[in-house]
């Protein structure tokens, strides 16, 4: 491929849904761009605020769509939360508002995942099975002294059928009934997630670019923490969004494909 990259950085953090793929479909040109990054010796990792799949699942999906990847190439909010909580309170009993992949990641990091309120932490995440029983368990846990931590701040999640409620909805419900505040949200735009990703790549913030479709998470995090920033218009943010001019990413491109200059 006789093409050059628009930015010289060694490390590249790529958001997944809305940047590399939409639902089950690869965004045209994403595979060739990622191949070009790797061929040029760039280090690539994939970021996701979604805790709905394991890192191995994400890697398998990427590979199936034509972007070879391993679980080690993926940093998602489940991994970041498990690592951060292990530093705060190793092996603590936790109650999880979340789905099986998050529970599995927490268990793999040594936490006692309990179905009741006898816990030290309530972990809040995107949960399509969220119900009154889970909300009540969270309430009783907080009344017993449990603290709150969450995976990501996203209000909605884009799907092929439109946007659906994301983690912010579960957080708001738990905070409303308990009167407590979520102490830590580890996903983008938190520096906690960036620290894990940069560790994987082995680069400094100034030698890394984040590419994503969400101006308020991907790009805001990159700008605040000193990364190069590329907003792609294949996801939820439109070019006319006033926040684009306010936050001012380094590049605004129609898609990942335009990272390559002919």
Protein backbone atom coordinates (compact mmCIF):
# COMPACT_ATOMS: atom_id res chain seq x y z
CA UNK A 1 0.00 0.00 0.00
CA UNK A 2 1.54 3.31 -1.05
CA UNK A 3 -0.01 5.57 1.53
CA UNK A 4 1.27 7.59 4.47
CA UNK A 5 -0.27 8.32 7.84
CA UNK A 6 -1.53 11.77 8.68
CA UNK A 7 -0.01 11.67 12.18
CA UNK A 8 3.43 10.38 13.26
CA UNK A 9 2.66 8.97 16.73
CA UNK A 10 3.86 5.47 17.67
CA UNK A 11 0.83 4.46 19.74
CA UNK A 12 -2.74 4.29 18.46
CA UNK A 13 -5.84 3.74 20.59
CA UNK A 14 -8.89 2.92 18.52
CA UNK A 15 -12.44 2.99 19.81
CA UNK A 16 -14.48 0.06 18.51
CA UNK A 17 -18.22 0.57 18.00
CA UNK A 18 -18.74 3.54 15.70
CA UNK A 19 -15.06 3.71 14.75
CA UNK A 20 -13.90 0.26 13.59
CA UNK A 21 -17.33 -1.34 13.21
CA UNK A 22 -21.04 -0.63 13.59
CA UNK A 23 -22.89 -3.52 15.12
CA UNK A 24 -21.79 -6.58 13.15
CA UNK A 25 -20.47 -4.69 10.11
CA UNK A 26 -16.93 -3.45 9.57
CA UNK A 27 -16.79 0.25 8.70
CA UNK A 28 -15.34 0.37 5.16
CA UNK A 29 -11.60 0.94 5.12
CA UNK A 30 -11.03 0.24 8.82
CA UNK A 31 -9.25 -3.05 8.12
CA UNK A 32 -6.83 -1.58 5.57
CA UNK A 33 -6.07 1.42 7.78
CA UNK A 34 -5.29 -0.77 10.79
CA UNK A 35 -3.15 -3.03 8.61
CA UNK A 36 -1.26 0.06 7.40
CA UNK A 37 -0.69 1.24 10.97
CA UNK A 38 0.77 -2.12 11.91
CA UNK A 39 2.85 -2.36 8.75
CA UNK A 40 4.35 1.03 9.60
CA UNK A 41 5.41 -0.27 13.02
CA UNK A 42 2.72 1.53 14.98
CA UNK A 43 1.39 -0.05 18.18
CA UNK A 44 -2.38 -0.49 18.13
CA UNK A 45 -4.83 -1.22 20.94
CA UNK A 46 -8.62 -1.21 20.95
CA UNK A 47 -10.69 0.59 23.59
CA UNK A 48 -14.28 0.02 24.61
CA UNK A 49 -16.43 1.34 27.42
CA UNK A 50 -18.77 -1.61 26.93
CA UNK A 51 -18.57 -4.39 29.53
CA UNK A 52 -20.96 -6.62 27.57
CA UNK A 53 -18.34 -8.92 26.07
CA UNK A 54 -15.08 -10.45 27.22
CA UNK A 55 -11.85 -9.18 25.74
CA UNK A 56 -11.52 -12.51 23.94
CA UNK A 57 -14.99 -11.97 22.44
CA UNK A 58 -13.97 -8.54 21.16
CA UNK A 59 -10.78 -9.99 19.67
CA UNK A 60 -12.70 -12.79 17.98
CA UNK A 61 -15.17 -10.31 16.50
CA UNK A 62 -12.38 -8.11 15.16
CA UNK A 63 -10.64 -11.10 13.64
CA UNK A 64 -13.89 -12.29 12.06
CA UNK A 65 -14.37 -8.84 10.51
CA UNK A 66 -10.90 -8.88 8.98
CA UNK A 67 -8.85 -7.17 11.71
CA UNK A 68 -6.63 -9.80 13.37
CA UNK A 69 -6.54 -9.24 17.14
CA UNK A 70 -5.90 -11.00 20.43
CA UNK A 71 -7.45 -10.42 23.85
CA UNK A 72 -4.27 -8.58 24.87
CA UNK A 73 -4.99 -5.98 22.17
CA UNK A 74 -8.29 -5.02 23.84
CA UNK A 75 -8.78 -2.74 26.85
CA UNK A 76 -12.39 -2.56 27.98
CA UNK A 77 -14.06 -1.08 31.04
CA UNK A 78 -14.43 -4.49 32.72
CA UNK A 79 -10.66 -5.01 32.73
CA UNK A 80 -9.96 -1.46 33.89
CA UNK A 81 -12.50 -1.63 36.71
CA UNK A 82 -11.22 -5.00 37.93
CA UNK A 83 -7.62 -3.78 37.95
CA UNK A 84 -8.47 -0.51 39.67
CA UNK A 85 -10.66 -2.12 42.33
CA UNK A 86 -7.96 -4.72 43.00
CA UNK A 87 -5.65 -1.84 43.92
CA UNK A 88 -8.31 -0.23 46.13
CA UNK A 89 -9.66 -3.31 47.92
CA UNK A 90 -8.23 -6.69 46.81
CA UNK A 91 -10.56 -9.71 46.95
CA UNK A 92 -13.44 -7.62 48.30
CA UNK A 93 -16.96 -9.05 48.15
CA UNK A 94 -18.91 -7.21 45.45
CA UNK A 95 -22.47 -7.01 44.16
CA UNK A 96 -22.61 -6.38 40.44
CA UNK A 97 -25.25 -4.60 38.40
CA UNK A 98 -23.92 -5.92 35.13
CA UNK A 99 -23.79 -8.85 32.76
CA UNK A 100 -21.84 -12.16 32.86
CA UNK A 101 -18.63 -10.98 31.10
CA UNK A 102 -18.09 -8.33 33.79
CA UNK A 103 -18.76 -10.83 36.57
CA UNK A 104 -16.24 -13.20 34.98
CA UNK A 105 -13.55 -10.50 34.77
CA UNK A 106 -14.05 -9.59 38.42
CA UNK A 107 -13.91 -13.23 39.50
CA UNK A 108 -10.73 -13.72 37.44
CA UNK A 109 -9.16 -10.83 39.37
CA UNK A 110 -9.92 -12.50 42.69
CA UNK A 111 -13.14 -10.79 43.77
CA UNK A 112 -15.96 -12.57 45.58
CA UNK A 113 -18.99 -11.84 43.39
CA UNK A 114 -22.08 -12.16 45.59
CA UNK A 115 -25.82 -12.13 44.75
CA UNK A 116 -26.76 -10.35 47.99
CA UNK A 117 -26.08 -7.13 49.90
CA UNK A 118 -23.29 -8.47 52.15
CA UNK A 119 -20.59 -6.70 50.16
CA UNK A 120 -18.11 -3.84 50.38
CA UNK A 121 -18.69 -2.54 46.84
CA UNK A 122 -21.58 -2.21 44.43
CA UNK A 123 -20.25 -2.34 40.87
CA UNK A 124 -22.53 -0.58 38.37
CA UNK A 125 -22.40 -1.22 34.63
CA UNK A 126 -24.52 -1.39 31.49
CA UNK A 127 -27.02 -4.11 32.37
CA UNK A 128 -29.86 -5.13 30.06
CA UNK A 129 -31.33 -7.21 32.91
CA UNK A 130 -31.42 -4.33 35.42
CA UNK A 131 -34.56 -4.57 37.56
CA UNK A 132 -36.18 -3.70 40.89
CA UNK A 133 -34.52 -6.60 42.69
CA UNK A 134 -31.04 -5.44 41.71
CA UNK A 135 -31.86 -1.86 42.66
CA UNK A 136 -33.09 -3.00 46.06
CA UNK A 137 -29.98 -5.12 46.64
CA UNK A 138 -27.83 -2.09 45.83
CA UNK A 139 -29.85 0.00 48.30
CA UNK A 140 -29.44 -2.54 51.09
CA UNK A 141 -25.73 -2.88 50.35
CA UNK A 142 -25.17 0.88 50.59
CA UNK A 143 -27.17 1.00 53.82
CA UNK A 144 -24.76 -1.63 55.10
CA UNK A 145 -21.75 0.51 54.22
CA UNK A 146 -20.96 -0.53 50.64
CA UNK A 147 -19.36 1.97 48.26
CA UNK A 148 -20.19 2.58 44.59
CA UNK A 149 -17.94 2.20 41.55
CA UNK A 150 -18.95 2.13 37.87
CA UNK A 151 -17.59 1.09 34.51
CA UNK A 152 -18.47 4.01 32.22
CA UNK A 153 -20.39 7.29 32.08
CA UNK A 154 -22.20 6.78 28.75
CA UNK A 155 -25.86 7.77 28.77
CA UNK A 156 -26.82 5.69 25.74
CA UNK A 157 -25.37 2.95 23.58
CA UNK A 158 -25.80 2.98 19.79
CA UNK A 159 -27.29 -0.15 18.24
CA UNK A 160 -28.51 -1.06 14.78
CA UNK A 161 -32.04 -0.25 16.02
CA UNK A 162 -31.15 3.09 17.61
CA UNK A 163 -29.77 4.17 20.96
CA UNK A 164 -30.56 2.30 24.18
CA UNK A 165 -29.91 3.19 27.86
CA UNK A 166 -26.32 2.70 29.01
CA UNK A 167 -24.54 2.71 32.37
CA UNK A 168 -25.46 6.29 33.28
CA UNK A 169 -29.08 5.21 33.62
CA UNK A 170 -28.21 2.50 36.14
CA UNK A 171 -25.91 4.89 38.03
CA UNK A 172 -28.63 7.53 38.26
CA UNK A 173 -31.15 5.02 39.60
CA UNK A 174 -28.77 3.71 42.27
CA UNK A 175 -27.67 7.19 43.33
CA UNK A 176 -31.28 8.38 43.48
CA UNK A 177 -32.49 5.66 45.83
CA UNK A 178 -29.36 5.36 48.00
CA UNK A 179 -28.39 9.01 48.30
CA UNK A 180 -24.80 7.87 47.74
CA UNK A 181 -22.49 9.00 44.95
CA UNK A 182 -20.51 6.80 42.60
CA UNK A 183 -16.93 7.34 43.78
CA UNK A 184 -15.09 6.26 40.64
CA UNK A 185 -16.08 5.81 36.99
CA UNK A 186 -13.17 4.04 35.30
CA UNK A 187 -14.10 4.13 31.60
CA UNK A 188 -13.46 6.84 29.04
CA UNK A 189 -12.89 9.75 29.59
CA UNK A 190 -11.23 8.69 32.86
CA UNK A 191 -7.42 8.74 33.02
CA UNK A 192 -7.70 5.37 34.76
CA UNK A 193 -8.58 3.70 31.46
CA UNK A 194 -5.91 5.62 29.59
CA UNK A 195 -3.23 4.51 32.06
CA UNK A 196 -4.05 0.85 31.40
CA UNK A 197 -4.07 1.38 27.63
CA UNK A 198 -0.75 3.27 27.59
CA UNK A 199 0.81 0.55 29.72
CA UNK A 200 -0.28 -2.01 27.11
CA UNK A 201 1.24 0.04 24.28
CA UNK A 202 4.39 1.07 26.12
CA UNK A 203 4.19 4.70 24.97
CA UNK A 204 3.78 8.10 26.61
CA UNK A 205 0.62 10.20 26.16
CA UNK A 206 2.46 12.60 23.87
CA UNK A 207 3.39 9.76 21.51
CA UNK A 208 -0.13 8.35 21.29
CA UNK A 209 -3.31 9.12 19.33
CA UNK A 210 -6.86 8.25 20.27
CA UNK A 211 -9.36 7.77 17.45
CA UNK A 212 -13.05 7.68 18.27
CA UNK A 213 -16.57 8.76 17.39
CA UNK A 214 -17.64 10.30 20.71
CA UNK A 215 -16.53 13.88 21.24
CA UNK A 216 -17.46 13.84 24.95
CA UNK A 217 -15.49 10.70 25.88
CA UNK A 218 -12.87 9.64 23.32
CA UNK A 219 -11.81 13.10 22.20
CA UNK A 220 -12.34 14.92 25.50
CA UNK A 221 -10.12 12.37 27.25
CA UNK A 222 -7.41 12.66 24.64
CA UNK A 223 -7.36 16.45 24.68
CA UNK A 224 -7.34 16.69 28.45
CA UNK A 225 -4.54 14.13 28.89
CA UNK A 226 -2.22 15.23 26.11
CA UNK A 227 -2.86 12.70 23.33
CA UNK A 228 -3.31 13.34 19.65
CA UNK A 229 -7.01 13.21 18.80
CA UNK A 230 -8.93 12.10 15.73
CA UNK A 231 -12.73 12.33 15.61
CA UNK A 232 -14.36 10.09 13.01
CA UNK A 233 -17.90 10.80 11.84
CA UNK A 234 -18.99 7.16 11.51
CA UNK A 235 -20.63 6.99 14.94
CA UNK A 236 -22.65 9.21 17.25
CA UNK A 237 -21.00 12.64 16.82
CA UNK A 238 -21.90 14.83 13.83
CA UNK A 239 -19.59 17.46 12.36
CA UNK A 240 -22.17 20.15 13.20
CA UNK A 241 -22.12 19.30 16.93
CA UNK A 242 -21.03 22.53 18.67
CA UNK A 243 -18.77 20.54 21.00
CA UNK A 244 -16.53 19.67 18.05
CA UNK A 245 -15.44 23.29 17.66
CA UNK A 246 -15.23 23.72 21.43
CA UNK A 247 -13.05 20.66 22.12
CA UNK A 248 -11.15 20.96 18.80
CA UNK A 249 -9.77 17.51 17.91
CA UNK A 250 -6.55 17.51 15.90
CA UNK A 251 -8.34 15.90 12.96
CA UNK A 252 -12.00 15.43 12.04
CA UNK A 253 -12.35 12.75 9.37
CA UNK A 254 -15.27 11.08 7.60
CA UNK A 255 -13.95 7.66 8.68
CA UNK A 256 -10.85 5.74 9.75
CA UNK A 257 -9.96 5.26 6.10
CA UNK A 258 -9.01 8.93 5.73
CA UNK A 259 -6.13 8.53 8.19
CA UNK A 260 -4.17 7.35 5.16
CA UNK A 261 -2.92 9.94 2.71
CA UNK A 262 -2.54 8.71 -0.90
